[in-house]
Amino acid sequence: MKMKRNIIIAAIAVAALASCSNSEQIKVACIGDSITEGHGIKIQSESGYPVVLNQLLGDGYSVQNCGKSGTTLQKEADYPYWICKEFSNAMALNADIVVIKLGTNDTKPQNWNADRFKNDYQALIDTLRSGDRNPRIFACTPAPAFSHGWGINDSIIVNGVIPIVSEIAKANNLTIIDLHEGLKCQEKAFAVDGIHPDEAGAEYMAGLIAKAIKENAE
């Protein structure tokens, strides 16, 4: 009986320790569009960039994929991220770190408006920091667009989106992760359609983001 009781006590202690360990994990929300969700990757739950990011960051982190294909940062566009359940999920997570990777779909002809993009980016930051939330926010520049698929325009990314992201980041003390620069030599990893990275591209992108988080959030 005494041995059985000791085993039960040990099991309870292990469970309690695991619970404490989980509660101490740094929660990361990856906000974004199809590149975050994992469009074009056969098994998103294994090879999407947020999954690889979770592996790279290690046991002290818990990363949630809050990406939704086709979404825009702008509220007045063809598919605003604001109306998606993934945004609600990101807010409900009350993450310690938020990685924003939006802007690619905003460059489509029917969507792009520089003033609106700037105002809505600031609104997103304010929303993420509302109430008692104060996450560390990482603002990613969009990945390069190696084609004009779906009307996405790399020139607008370079001359429109990136300057605004840089301005907003500076004004709000955000860390910028320059994925456009970091991925511009990875065109082969975007070979399927010129817009979405394959498994190798997602892994490379996750590495850039993990490096930035480790250097700036610890």
C-alpha atoms as a PDB file:
ATOM      1  CA  MET A   1       0.000   0.000   0.000  1.00  0.00           C
ATOM      2  CA  LYS A   2       2.771   2.392   0.924  1.00  0.00           C
ATOM      3  CA  MET A   3       4.510   1.832  -2.437  1.00  0.00           C
ATOM      4  CA  LYS A   4       1.234   2.378  -4.312  1.00  0.00           C
ATOM      5  CA  ARG A   5       0.622   5.601  -2.392  1.00  0.00           C
ATOM      6  CA  ASN A   6       4.143   6.812  -3.224  1.00  0.00           C
ATOM      7  CA  ILE A   7       3.587   6.094  -6.912  1.00  0.00           C
ATOM      8  CA  ILE A   8       0.348   8.087  -6.878  1.00  0.00           C
ATOM      9  CA  ILE A   9       2.027  11.004  -5.116  1.00  0.00           C
ATOM     10  CA  ALA A  10       4.880  10.940  -7.618  1.00  0.00           C
ATOM     11  CA  ALA A  11       2.439  10.932 -10.530  1.00  0.00           C
ATOM     12  CA  ILE A  12       0.592  13.923  -9.104  1.00  0.00           C
ATOM     13  CA  ALA A  13       3.885  15.782  -8.632  1.00  0.00           C
ATOM     14  CA  VAL A  14       4.926  15.103 -12.231  1.00  0.00           C
ATOM     15  CA  ALA A  15       1.535  16.320 -13.508  1.00  0.00           C
ATOM     16  CA  ALA A  16       1.774  19.460 -11.413  1.00  0.00           C
ATOM     17  CA  LEU A  17       5.294  20.118 -12.652  1.00  0.00           C
ATOM     18  CA  ALA A  18       4.170  19.699 -16.270  1.00  0.00           C
ATOM     19  CA  SER A  19       1.284  22.084 -15.656  1.00  0.00           C
ATOM     20  CA  CYS A  20       3.634  24.698 -14.229  1.00  0.00           C
ATOM     21  CA  SER A  21       6.008  24.218 -17.139  1.00  0.00           C
ATOM     22  CA  ASN A  22       3.226  24.783 -19.676  1.00  0.00           C
ATOM     23  CA  SER A  23       1.992  27.879 -17.868  1.00  0.00           C
ATOM     24  CA  GLU A  24       5.468  29.372 -18.069  1.00  0.00           C
ATOM     25  CA  GLN A  25       5.789  28.930 -21.824  1.00  0.00           C
ATOM     26  CA  ILE A  26       6.067  32.111 -23.855  1.00  0.00           C
ATOM     27  CA  LYS A  27       2.991  32.277 -26.086  1.00  0.00           C
ATOM     28  CA  VAL A  28       3.522  33.387 -29.685  1.00  0.00           C
ATOM     29  CA  ALA A  29       0.726  34.311 -32.102  1.00  0.00           C
ATOM     30  CA  CYS A  30       1.597  34.319 -35.816  1.00  0.00           C
ATOM     31  CA  ILE A  31      -0.772  36.712 -37.573  1.00  0.00           C
ATOM     32  CA  GLY A  32      -0.817  36.640 -41.346  1.00  0.00           C
ATOM     33  CA  ASP A  33      -2.261  35.542 -44.655  1.00  0.00           C
ATOM     34  CA  SER A  34      -1.790  32.406 -46.781  1.00  0.00           C
ATOM     35  CA  ILE A  35       1.989  32.406 -46.361  1.00  0.00           C
ATOM     36  CA  THR A  36       1.483  32.131 -42.604  1.00  0.00           C
ATOM     37  CA  GLU A  37      -1.373  29.636 -42.894  1.00  0.00           C
ATOM     38  CA  GLY A  38       0.784  27.468 -45.157  1.00  0.00           C
ATOM     39  CA  HIS A  39      -0.842  27.575 -48.586  1.00  0.00           C
ATOM     40  CA  GLY A  40       0.945  25.261 -51.014  1.00  0.00           C
ATOM     41  CA  ILE A  41       2.538  23.174 -48.269  1.00  0.00           C
ATOM     42  CA  LYS A  42       1.244  19.599 -48.275  1.00  0.00           C
ATOM     43  CA  ILE A  43       1.066  19.151 -44.506  1.00  0.00           C
ATOM     44  CA  GLN A  44       0.713  22.571 -42.889  1.00  0.00           C
ATOM     45  CA  SER A  45       0.605  21.069 -39.405  1.00  0.00           C
ATOM     46  CA  GLU A  46       4.123  19.696 -39.925  1.00  0.00           C
ATOM     47  CA  SER A  47       5.868  22.104 -42.302  1.00  0.00           C
ATOM     48  CA  GLY A  48       4.108  25.470 -42.051  1.00  0.00           C
ATOM     49  CA  TYR A  49       6.409  28.220 -40.849  1.00  0.00           C
ATOM     50  CA  PRO A  50       4.716  28.624 -37.409  1.00  0.00           C
ATOM     51  CA  VAL A  51       5.218  24.895 -36.726  1.00  0.00           C
ATOM     52  CA  VAL A  52       8.890  25.075 -37.671  1.00  0.00           C
ATOM     53  CA  LEU A  53       9.202  28.280 -35.642  1.00  0.00           C
ATOM     54  CA  ASN A  54       7.861  26.437 -32.611  1.00  0.00           C
ATOM     55  CA  GLN A  55      10.498  23.750 -33.083  1.00  0.00           C
ATOM     56  CA  LEU A  56      13.304  26.264 -33.500  1.00  0.00           C
ATOM     57  CA  LEU A  57      12.340  28.282 -30.442  1.00  0.00           C
ATOM     58  CA  GLY A  58      12.192  25.193 -28.244  1.00  0.00           C
ATOM     59  CA  ASP A  59      10.200  23.991 -25.255  1.00  0.00           C
ATOM     60  CA  GLY A  60      10.033  27.410 -23.621  1.00  0.00           C
ATOM     61  CA  TYR A  61       7.690  28.648 -26.348  1.00  0.00           C
ATOM     62  CA  SER A  62       4.242  27.769 -27.636  1.00  0.00           C
ATOM     63  CA  VAL A  63       3.510  29.046 -31.158  1.00  0.00           C
ATOM     64  CA  GLN A  64       0.003  29.286 -32.612  1.00  0.00           C
ATOM     65  CA  ASN A  65      -0.721  29.628 -36.328  1.00  0.00           C
ATOM     66  CA  CYS A  66      -3.269  32.434 -36.680  1.00  0.00           C
ATOM     67  CA  GLY A  67      -2.880  32.849 -40.438  1.00  0.00           C
ATOM     68  CA  LYS A  68      -5.789  33.020 -42.884  1.00  0.00           C
ATOM     69  CA  SER A  69      -5.388  32.780 -46.638  1.00  0.00           C
ATOM     70  CA  GLY A  70      -6.288  35.779 -48.773  1.00  0.00           C
ATOM     71  CA  THR A  71      -6.552  38.275 -45.946  1.00  0.00           C
ATOM     72  CA  THR A  72      -5.550  41.917 -45.902  1.00  0.00           C
ATOM     73  CA  LEU A  73      -4.458  44.253 -43.153  1.00  0.00           C
ATOM     74  CA  GLN A  74      -6.786  46.949 -44.464  1.00  0.00           C
ATOM     75  CA  LYS A  75     -10.313  46.890 -43.106  1.00  0.00           C
ATOM     76  CA  GLU A  76     -11.816  48.164 -46.358  1.00  0.00           C
ATOM     77  CA  ALA A  77     -10.480  45.520 -48.724  1.00  0.00           C
ATOM     78  CA  ASP A  78     -11.706  42.312 -50.306  1.00  0.00           C
ATOM     79  CA  TYR A  79     -10.947  40.079 -47.287  1.00  0.00           C
ATOM     80  CA  PRO A  80      -9.963  41.897 -44.066  1.00  0.00           C
ATOM     81  CA  TYR A  81      -8.093  39.862 -41.467  1.00  0.00           C
ATOM     82  CA  TRP A  82     -10.141  41.717 -38.880  1.00  0.00           C
ATOM     83  CA  ILE A  83     -13.316  39.714 -39.615  1.00  0.00           C
ATOM     84  CA  CYS A  84     -11.709  36.258 -39.423  1.00  0.00           C
ATOM     85  CA  LYS A  85     -11.906  33.839 -36.521  1.00  0.00           C
ATOM     86  CA  GLU A  86      -8.115  33.609 -36.663  1.00  0.00           C
ATOM     87  CA  PHE A  87      -7.916  37.206 -35.470  1.00  0.00           C
ATOM     88  CA  SER A  88     -10.286  36.375 -32.622  1.00  0.00           C
ATOM     89  CA  ASN A  89      -8.085  33.374 -31.814  1.00  0.00           C
ATOM     90  CA  ALA A  90      -4.996  35.573 -31.721  1.00  0.00           C
ATOM     91  CA  MET A  91      -6.669  38.019 -29.362  1.00  0.00           C
ATOM     92  CA  ALA A  92      -8.007  35.246 -27.124  1.00  0.00           C
ATOM     93  CA  LEU A  93      -4.512  33.755 -26.837  1.00  0.00           C
ATOM     94  CA  ASN A  94      -3.306  36.940 -25.106  1.00  0.00           C
ATOM     95  CA  ALA A  95       0.131  36.171 -26.471  1.00  0.00           C
ATOM     96  CA  ASP A  96       3.423  37.368 -25.066  1.00  0.00           C
ATOM     97  CA  ILE A  97       4.774  37.780 -28.605  1.00  0.00           C
ATOM     98  CA  VAL A  98       2.880  38.626 -31.799  1.00  0.00           C
ATOM     99  CA  VAL A  99       4.432  38.214 -35.238  1.00  0.00           C
ATOM    100  CA  ILE A 100       2.606  40.236 -37.913  1.00  0.00           C
ATOM    101  CA  LYS A 101       3.052  39.208 -41.522  1.00  0.00           C
ATOM    102  CA  LEU A 102       0.349  40.995 -43.477  1.00  0.00           C
ATOM    103  CA  GLY A 103       0.488  43.302 -46.479  1.00  0.00           C
ATOM    104  CA  THR A 104       0.938  41.006 -49.470  1.00  0.00           C
ATOM    105  CA  ASN A 105      -2.749  40.905 -50.442  1.00  0.00           C
ATOM    106  CA  ASP A 106      -3.069  44.614 -49.729  1.00  0.00           C
ATOM    107  CA  THR A 107      -1.028  45.295 -52.880  1.00  0.00           C
ATOM    108  CA  LYS A 108      -3.737  43.964 -55.191  1.00  0.00           C
ATOM    109  CA  PRO A 109      -5.182  46.708 -57.466  1.00  0.00           C
ATOM    110  CA  GLN A 110      -8.608  46.634 -55.821  1.00  0.00           C
ATOM    111  CA  ASN A 111      -7.106  46.914 -52.328  1.00  0.00           C
ATOM    112  CA  TRP A 112      -4.116  49.211 -52.195  1.00  0.00           C
ATOM    113  CA  ASN A 113      -4.509  52.544 -50.439  1.00  0.00           C
ATOM    114  CA  ALA A 114      -1.422  53.833 -48.645  1.00  0.00           C
ATOM    115  CA  ASP A 115      -3.209  56.079 -46.135  1.00  0.00           C
ATOM    116  CA  ARG A 116      -5.704  53.386 -45.244  1.00  0.00           C
ATOM    117  CA  PHE A 117      -2.951  50.794 -44.881  1.00  0.00           C
ATOM    118  CA  LYS A 118      -1.013  53.050 -42.506  1.00  0.00           C
ATOM    119  CA  ASN A 119      -4.061  53.901 -40.389  1.00  0.00           C
ATOM    120  CA  ASP A 120      -5.183  50.283 -40.151  1.00  0.00           C
ATOM    121  CA  TYR A 121      -1.696  49.057 -39.265  1.00  0.00           C
ATOM    122  CA  GLN A 122      -1.670  51.502 -36.357  1.00  0.00           C
ATOM    123  CA  ALA A 123      -5.171  50.350 -35.405  1.00  0.00           C
ATOM    124  CA  LEU A 124      -3.957  46.751 -35.353  1.00  0.00           C
ATOM    125  CA  ILE A 125      -1.090  47.643 -33.029  1.00  0.00           C
ATOM    126  CA  ASP A 126      -3.463  49.535 -30.742  1.00  0.00           C
ATOM    127  CA  THR A 127      -5.889  46.606 -30.701  1.00  0.00           C
ATOM    128  CA  LEU A 128      -3.181  44.082 -29.877  1.00  0.00           C
ATOM    129  CA  ARG A 129      -2.102  46.305 -26.997  1.00  0.00           C
ATOM    130  CA  SER A 130      -5.609  47.051 -25.740  1.00  0.00           C
ATOM    131  CA  GLY A 131      -6.655  46.434 -22.152  1.00  0.00           C
ATOM    132  CA  ASP A 132      -3.867  44.973 -20.064  1.00  0.00           C
ATOM    133  CA  ARG A 133      -2.154  43.376 -23.058  1.00  0.00           C
ATOM    134  CA  ASN A 134       1.408  44.396 -23.794  1.00  0.00           C
ATOM    135  CA  PRO A 135       2.875  41.823 -26.193  1.00  0.00           C
ATOM    136  CA  ARG A 136       6.261  42.149 -27.814  1.00  0.00           C
ATOM    137  CA  ILE A 137       5.328  42.795 -31.454  1.00  0.00           C
ATOM    138  CA  PHE A 138       7.462  41.836 -34.424  1.00  0.00           C
ATOM    139  CA  ALA A 139       6.498  43.486 -37.722  1.00  0.00           C
ATOM    140  CA  CYS A 140       7.523  41.466 -40.763  1.00  0.00           C
ATOM    141  CA  THR A 141       7.936  43.008 -44.166  1.00  0.00           C
ATOM    142  CA  PRO A 142       6.156  40.894 -46.797  1.00  0.00           C
ATOM    143  CA  ALA A 143       8.080  38.175 -48.557  1.00  0.00           C
ATOM    144  CA  PRO A 144       9.169  39.040 -52.097  1.00  0.00           C
ATOM    145  CA  ALA A 145       6.580  38.501 -54.814  1.00  0.00           C
ATOM    146  CA  PHE A 146       8.416  36.758 -57.627  1.00  0.00           C
ATOM    147  CA  SER A 147       5.313  36.870 -59.848  1.00  0.00           C
ATOM    148  CA  HIS A 148       2.125  38.920 -60.262  1.00  0.00           C
ATOM    149  CA  GLY A 149      -0.106  36.051 -59.213  1.00  0.00           C
ATOM    150  CA  TRP A 150      -3.523  37.138 -57.948  1.00  0.00           C
ATOM    151  CA  GLY A 151      -2.573  40.727 -58.790  1.00  0.00           C
ATOM    152  CA  ILE A 152       0.049  40.914 -56.036  1.00  0.00           C
ATOM    153  CA  ASN A 153       2.610  43.591 -56.827  1.00  0.00           C
ATOM    154  CA  ASP A 154       6.196  43.487 -55.565  1.00  0.00           C
ATOM    155  CA  SER A 155       6.767  47.105 -56.573  1.00  0.00           C
ATOM    156  CA  ILE A 156       4.025  48.190 -54.181  1.00  0.00           C
ATOM    157  CA  ILE A 157       5.504  45.946 -51.503  1.00  0.00           C
ATOM    158  CA  VAL A 158       8.879  47.677 -51.891  1.00  0.00           C
ATOM    159  CA  ASN A 159       7.730  51.261 -52.415  1.00  0.00           C
ATOM    160  CA  GLY A 160       4.474  51.259 -50.482  1.00  0.00           C
ATOM    161  CA  VAL A 161       4.140  48.578 -47.819  1.00  0.00           C
ATOM    162  CA  ILE A 162       7.703  48.375 -46.515  1.00  0.00           C
ATOM    163  CA  PRO A 163       8.165  52.132 -45.893  1.00  0.00           C
ATOM    164  CA  ILE A 164       4.891  52.222 -43.970  1.00  0.00           C
ATOM    165  CA  VAL A 165       5.759  49.144 -41.921  1.00  0.00           C
ATOM    166  CA  SER A 166       9.116  50.734 -41.107  1.00  0.00           C
ATOM    167  CA  GLU A 167       7.479  54.002 -40.071  1.00  0.00           C
ATOM    168  CA  ILE A 168       4.872  52.291 -37.902  1.00  0.00           C
ATOM    169  CA  ALA A 169       7.494  50.050 -36.316  1.00  0.00           C
ATOM    170  CA  LYS A 170       9.682  53.005 -35.377  1.00  0.00           C
ATOM    171  CA  ALA A 171       6.766  54.978 -33.944  1.00  0.00           C
ATOM    172  CA  ASN A 172       5.558  52.035 -31.839  1.00  0.00           C
ATOM    173  CA  ASN A 173       8.891  50.503 -30.796  1.00  0.00           C
ATOM    174  CA  LEU A 174       8.334  47.320 -32.798  1.00  0.00           C
ATOM    175  CA  THR A 175      11.093  45.040 -34.004  1.00  0.00           C
ATOM    176  CA  ILE A 176      11.190  44.737 -37.808  1.00  0.00           C
ATOM    177  CA  ILE A 177      11.930  41.402 -39.433  1.00  0.00           C
ATOM    178  CA  ASP A 178      12.913  42.133 -43.019  1.00  0.00           C
ATOM    179  CA  LEU A 179      11.655  39.027 -44.779  1.00  0.00           C
ATOM    180  CA  HIS A 180      11.709  40.764 -48.153  1.00  0.00           C
ATOM    181  CA  GLU A 181      15.454  41.227 -47.940  1.00  0.00           C
ATOM    182  CA  GLY A 182      16.030  37.918 -46.197  1.00  0.00           C
ATOM    183  CA  LEU A 183      14.141  35.876 -48.794  1.00  0.00           C
ATOM    184  CA  LYS A 184      15.031  37.688 -51.995  1.00  0.00           C
ATOM    185  CA  CYS A 185      17.705  35.099 -52.847  1.00  0.00           C
ATOM    186  CA  GLN A 186      15.316  32.202 -52.202  1.00  0.00           C
ATOM    187  CA  GLU A 187      13.355  32.385 -55.466  1.00  0.00           C
ATOM    188  CA  LYS A 188      13.665  28.620 -56.010  1.00  0.00           C
ATOM    189  CA  ALA A 189      11.706  28.089 -52.800  1.00  0.00           C
ATOM    190  CA  PHE A 190       8.810  30.059 -54.349  1.00  0.00           C
ATOM    191  CA  ALA A 191       8.878  28.133 -57.631  1.00  0.00           C
ATOM    192  CA  VAL A 192       5.299  26.832 -57.462  1.00  0.00           C
ATOM    193  CA  ASP A 193       3.608  30.198 -58.055  1.00  0.00           C
ATOM    194  CA  GLY A 194       6.143  32.904 -57.203  1.00  0.00           C
ATOM    195  CA  ILE A 195       4.137  33.996 -54.156  1.00  0.00           C
ATOM    196  CA  HIS A 196       4.059  31.136 -51.649  1.00  0.00           C
ATOM    197  CA  PRO A 197       7.141  29.403 -50.260  1.00  0.00           C
ATOM    198  CA  ASP A 198       7.476  25.633 -50.314  1.00  0.00           C
ATOM    199  CA  GLU A 199       8.569  23.605 -47.293  1.00  0.00           C
ATOM    200  CA  ALA A 200      12.183  24.712 -47.680  1.00  0.00           C
ATOM    201  CA  GLY A 201      11.144  28.350 -47.989  1.00  0.00           C
ATOM    202  CA  ALA A 202       8.902  28.123 -44.926  1.00  0.00           C
ATOM    203  CA  GLU A 203      11.760  26.617 -42.958  1.00  0.00           C
ATOM    204  CA  TYR A 204      14.114  29.367 -44.055  1.00  0.00           C
ATOM    205  CA  MET A 205      11.541  32.017 -43.135  1.00  0.00           C
ATOM    206  CA  ALA A 206      10.963  30.424 -39.736  1.00  0.00           C
ATOM    207  CA  GLY A 207      14.709  30.587 -39.149  1.00  0.00           C
ATOM    208  CA  LEU A 208      14.786  34.328 -39.831  1.00  0.00           C
ATOM    209  CA  ILE A 209      11.893  34.933 -37.455  1.00  0.00           C
ATOM    210  CA  ALA A 210      13.290  32.649 -34.732  1.00  0.00           C
ATOM    211  CA  LYS A 211      16.612  34.462 -34.896  1.00  0.00           C
ATOM    212  CA  ALA A 212      14.905  37.839 -34.487  1.00  0.00           C
ATOM    213  CA  ILE A 213      12.807  36.630 -31.555  1.00  0.00           C
ATOM    214  CA  LYS A 214      15.773  35.114 -29.736  1.00  0.00           C
ATOM    215  CA  GLU A 215      17.857  38.247 -30.240  1.00  0.00           C
ATOM    216  CA  ASN A 216      15.147  40.720 -29.212  1.00  0.00           C
ATOM    217  CA  ALA A 217      12.695  39.043 -26.865  1.00  0.00           C
ATOM    218  CA  GLU A 218      14.885  37.361 -24.280  1.00  0.00           C
END
